[in-house]
Amino acid sequence: MKRLPMRKFREALRLAAQGLLTREMAASTGVGRTTLREYLYRARSAGLGWPLPDDLSDGELERLLFPRVSSEARGRIAQPDWAYVHAELRRTGVILSLLWEEYRAAHPDGYGYSRYCELYGRWEGRLSPVMGQRYAAGETLFVDYAGTTIDVVSPETGEVRAAQLFVAALGASNYGFVRLLPSQQRSSSLSR
């Protein structure tokens, strides 16, 4: 991770103490939200809060945020259970960032999100070879309903109706199409 200038971190910590959202802090400081979240997490782990002590130099602050880790300890980063992660990702509504948050809650000194994703991608790549297929333009269209139903509220009447998200992608170009359609309810005579 590229290190932030400590003046920007001090400003972000001050803004966080005022209750600003990460998005607002990112706009104000010109620093990415993921980087800000990581720095604020490191500050909490180091027991730092706003206001910082007046005699705390930038070098000392950086050492508190990024303590030196011995090469022996570096090799002891808790490894995620990739088989568990892979199985959980098959469940509806589970995404990799949620699983990473669970992992970090259990292992605060574990991998950062980008490294976690990279390692999972490597692990998953060893599961089974992928057969590349070529599609002639306009010949193949892949269609499906994405996930569970979504509640849609009419702005005029306030009526809440269930809808499904219809997605389609062309095989050759990967151009996508998305449309929200009224939920398809099965007739009681069809479900018998």
Protein backbone atom coordinates (compact mmCIF):
# COMPACT_ATOMS: atom_id res chain seq x y z
CA MET A 1 0.00 0.00 0.00
CA LYS A 2 1.32 3.42 -0.92
CA ARG A 3 1.69 5.49 2.25
CA LEU A 4 -0.32 8.67 2.73
CA PRO A 5 1.34 11.89 3.80
CA MET A 6 0.66 12.13 7.54
CA ARG A 7 -0.89 15.60 7.14
CA LYS A 8 -3.64 14.02 5.00
CA PHE A 9 -4.13 11.27 7.55
CA ARG A 10 -4.36 13.84 10.37
CA GLU A 11 -7.01 15.70 8.37
CA ALA A 12 -8.94 12.46 7.71
CA LEU A 13 -8.83 11.57 11.41
CA ARG A 14 -10.14 15.05 12.29
CA LEU A 15 -12.98 14.71 9.76
CA ALA A 16 -13.83 11.24 11.05
CA ALA A 17 -14.10 12.64 14.57
CA GLN A 18 -16.62 15.16 13.23
CA GLY A 19 -18.76 12.27 11.99
CA LEU A 20 -18.20 12.62 8.23
CA LEU A 21 -18.78 9.61 6.01
CA THR A 22 -15.83 7.97 4.29
CA ARG A 23 -17.16 9.24 0.96
CA GLU A 24 -17.17 12.82 2.26
CA MET A 25 -13.68 12.47 3.75
CA ALA A 26 -12.40 11.07 0.44
CA ALA A 27 -13.81 14.05 -1.47
CA SER A 28 -12.31 16.50 1.02
CA THR A 29 -8.83 14.96 1.23
CA GLY A 30 -8.46 13.58 -2.30
CA VAL A 31 -7.69 10.11 -0.91
CA GLY A 32 -9.50 6.92 -1.96
CA ARG A 33 -12.18 5.53 0.34
CA THR A 34 -10.51 2.12 0.66
CA THR A 35 -7.24 3.75 1.70
CA LEU A 36 -9.05 5.94 4.23
CA ARG A 37 -10.85 2.94 5.71
CA GLU A 38 -7.54 1.08 6.05
CA TYR A 39 -5.85 4.03 7.76
CA LEU A 40 -8.78 4.57 10.14
CA TYR A 41 -8.75 0.85 10.96
CA ARG A 42 -5.02 1.07 11.70
CA ALA A 43 -5.62 4.12 13.89
CA ARG A 44 -8.28 2.26 15.91
CA SER A 45 -5.95 -0.75 16.25
CA ALA A 46 -3.16 1.54 17.51
CA GLY A 47 -5.56 3.23 19.97
CA LEU A 48 -5.33 6.59 18.22
CA GLY A 49 -8.16 9.09 18.17
CA TRP A 50 -8.72 12.78 17.58
CA PRO A 51 -7.19 15.00 18.79
CA LEU A 52 -3.73 13.51 18.44
CA PRO A 53 -1.12 14.45 21.05
CA ASP A 54 0.65 17.72 20.13
CA ASP A 55 4.10 16.21 20.56
CA LEU A 56 3.41 13.28 18.18
CA SER A 57 5.67 13.72 15.15
CA ASP A 58 4.77 12.44 11.67
CA GLY A 59 7.48 9.78 11.93
CA GLU A 60 6.16 8.50 15.26
CA LEU A 61 2.60 8.54 13.92
CA GLU A 62 3.65 6.49 10.90
CA ARG A 63 5.46 3.98 13.15
CA LEU A 64 2.29 3.60 15.22
CA LEU A 65 0.18 3.02 12.12
CA PHE A 66 2.69 0.71 10.42
CA PRO A 67 4.60 -1.16 13.11
CA ARG A 68 7.53 -3.18 11.85
CA VAL A 69 6.70 -6.85 11.55
CA SER A 70 9.50 -9.38 11.77
CA SER A 71 9.95 -11.68 8.81
CA GLU A 72 9.13 -14.61 11.10
CA ALA A 73 5.82 -13.04 12.19
CA ARG A 74 5.04 -11.98 8.61
CA GLY A 75 4.92 -15.64 7.57
CA ARG A 76 2.32 -16.31 10.28
CA ILE A 77 -0.57 -14.38 8.74
CA ALA A 78 -3.68 -16.43 9.32
CA GLN A 79 -4.68 -18.13 6.10
CA PRO A 80 -8.37 -17.98 5.17
CA ASP A 81 -10.23 -21.25 4.70
CA TRP A 82 -10.62 -20.94 0.93
CA ALA A 83 -12.91 -23.98 0.65
CA TYR A 84 -15.30 -22.35 3.15
CA VAL A 85 -15.09 -19.02 1.27
CA HIS A 86 -15.83 -20.76 -2.02
CA ALA A 87 -18.82 -22.62 -0.56
CA GLU A 88 -20.22 -19.46 1.07
CA LEU A 89 -19.99 -17.51 -2.20
CA ARG A 90 -22.49 -19.95 -3.71
CA ARG A 91 -25.13 -18.77 -1.22
CA THR A 92 -27.55 -16.02 -2.23
CA GLY A 93 -26.50 -12.54 -1.10
CA VAL A 94 -22.98 -13.50 -0.02
CA ILE A 95 -20.16 -11.48 -1.57
CA LEU A 96 -16.40 -11.60 -1.14
CA SER A 97 -16.20 -8.33 0.79
CA LEU A 98 -18.56 -9.71 3.48
CA LEU A 99 -16.41 -12.81 3.85
CA TRP A 100 -13.29 -10.65 4.07
CA GLU A 101 -14.90 -8.57 6.84
CA GLU A 102 -15.62 -11.79 8.77
CA TYR A 103 -12.01 -12.87 8.24
CA ARG A 104 -10.63 -9.51 9.44
CA ALA A 105 -12.90 -9.56 12.49
CA ALA A 106 -11.41 -12.93 13.45
CA HIS A 107 -7.85 -12.01 12.34
CA PRO A 108 -7.24 -8.23 12.66
CA ASP A 109 -3.67 -8.61 11.39
CA GLY A 110 -4.81 -10.67 8.39
CA TYR A 111 -4.70 -9.80 4.73
CA GLY A 112 -6.07 -6.55 3.35
CA TYR A 113 -9.03 -6.74 0.99
CA SER A 114 -7.14 -6.53 -2.30
CA ARG A 115 -4.62 -9.21 -1.26
CA TYR A 116 -7.47 -11.39 0.04
CA CYS A 117 -9.23 -11.15 -3.34
CA GLU A 118 -5.99 -11.86 -5.20
CA LEU A 119 -5.26 -14.96 -3.11
CA TYR A 120 -8.82 -16.22 -3.50
CA GLY A 121 -8.59 -15.75 -7.27
CA ARG A 122 -5.38 -17.80 -7.35
CA TRP A 123 -6.92 -20.52 -5.20
CA GLU A 124 -10.08 -20.64 -7.31
CA GLY A 125 -8.02 -20.77 -10.51
CA ARG A 126 -6.56 -24.10 -9.39
CA LEU A 127 -9.97 -25.72 -8.91
CA SER A 128 -10.80 -26.65 -12.47
CA PRO A 129 -9.56 -25.61 -15.87
CA VAL A 130 -11.78 -23.27 -17.84
CA MET A 131 -12.63 -24.04 -21.43
CA GLY A 132 -12.58 -20.86 -23.48
CA GLN A 133 -15.34 -20.68 -26.05
CA ARG A 134 -15.72 -18.37 -28.99
CA TYR A 135 -19.07 -17.00 -30.08
CA ALA A 136 -19.99 -15.47 -33.40
CA ALA A 137 -21.32 -11.94 -33.02
CA GLY A 138 -25.08 -11.90 -32.44
CA GLU A 139 -25.31 -15.68 -32.38
CA THR A 140 -25.52 -16.41 -28.64
CA LEU A 141 -27.41 -14.58 -25.91
CA PHE A 142 -27.21 -15.61 -22.26
CA VAL A 143 -30.27 -14.70 -20.18
CA ASP A 144 -31.28 -15.13 -16.55
CA TYR A 145 -33.04 -13.55 -13.62
CA ALA A 146 -30.54 -12.09 -11.15
CA GLY A 147 -31.11 -13.06 -7.55
CA THR A 148 -34.26 -12.65 -5.52
CA THR A 149 -37.12 -10.23 -6.06
CA ILE A 150 -36.72 -6.52 -5.42
CA ASP A 151 -39.38 -4.27 -3.86
CA VAL A 152 -40.24 -1.34 -6.14
CA VAL A 153 -42.21 1.61 -4.73
CA SER A 154 -44.43 3.63 -7.07
CA PRO A 155 -43.59 7.33 -6.63
CA GLU A 156 -47.18 8.34 -7.43
CA THR A 157 -49.18 5.90 -5.29
CA GLY A 158 -46.61 4.55 -2.82
CA GLU A 159 -47.65 1.00 -3.78
CA VAL A 160 -44.95 -1.61 -3.21
CA ARG A 161 -44.65 -4.31 -5.87
CA ALA A 162 -42.22 -7.17 -6.20
CA ALA A 163 -40.04 -7.20 -9.32
CA GLN A 164 -37.27 -9.35 -10.69
CA LEU A 165 -34.07 -8.19 -12.33
CA PHE A 166 -33.72 -9.66 -15.82
CA VAL A 167 -30.19 -9.72 -17.25
CA ALA A 168 -28.84 -10.72 -20.62
CA ALA A 169 -25.37 -10.66 -22.20
CA LEU A 170 -24.19 -11.25 -25.75
CA GLY A 171 -21.63 -14.05 -25.97
CA ALA A 172 -19.14 -12.38 -28.33
CA SER A 173 -19.11 -8.81 -27.05
CA ASN A 174 -20.33 -9.23 -23.46
CA TYR A 175 -22.68 -6.29 -24.00
CA GLY A 176 -25.24 -6.44 -21.26
CA PHE A 177 -28.91 -5.68 -20.96
CA VAL A 178 -30.74 -5.21 -17.65
CA ARG A 179 -34.45 -4.69 -17.08
CA LEU A 180 -36.69 -4.71 -14.04
CA LEU A 181 -39.79 -6.83 -14.69
CA PRO A 182 -42.88 -7.44 -12.56
CA SER A 183 -42.45 -10.57 -10.46
CA GLN A 184 -43.74 -13.71 -12.12
CA GLN A 185 -46.07 -15.48 -9.70
CA ARG A 186 -46.85 -19.13 -10.31
CA SER A 187 -50.46 -20.04 -10.57
CA SER A 188 -51.67 -22.46 -7.90
CA SER A 189 -52.79 -24.85 -10.66
CA LEU A 190 -49.24 -24.97 -12.08
CA SER A 191 -47.54 -25.69 -8.78
CA ARG A 192 -49.40 -28.97 -8.19
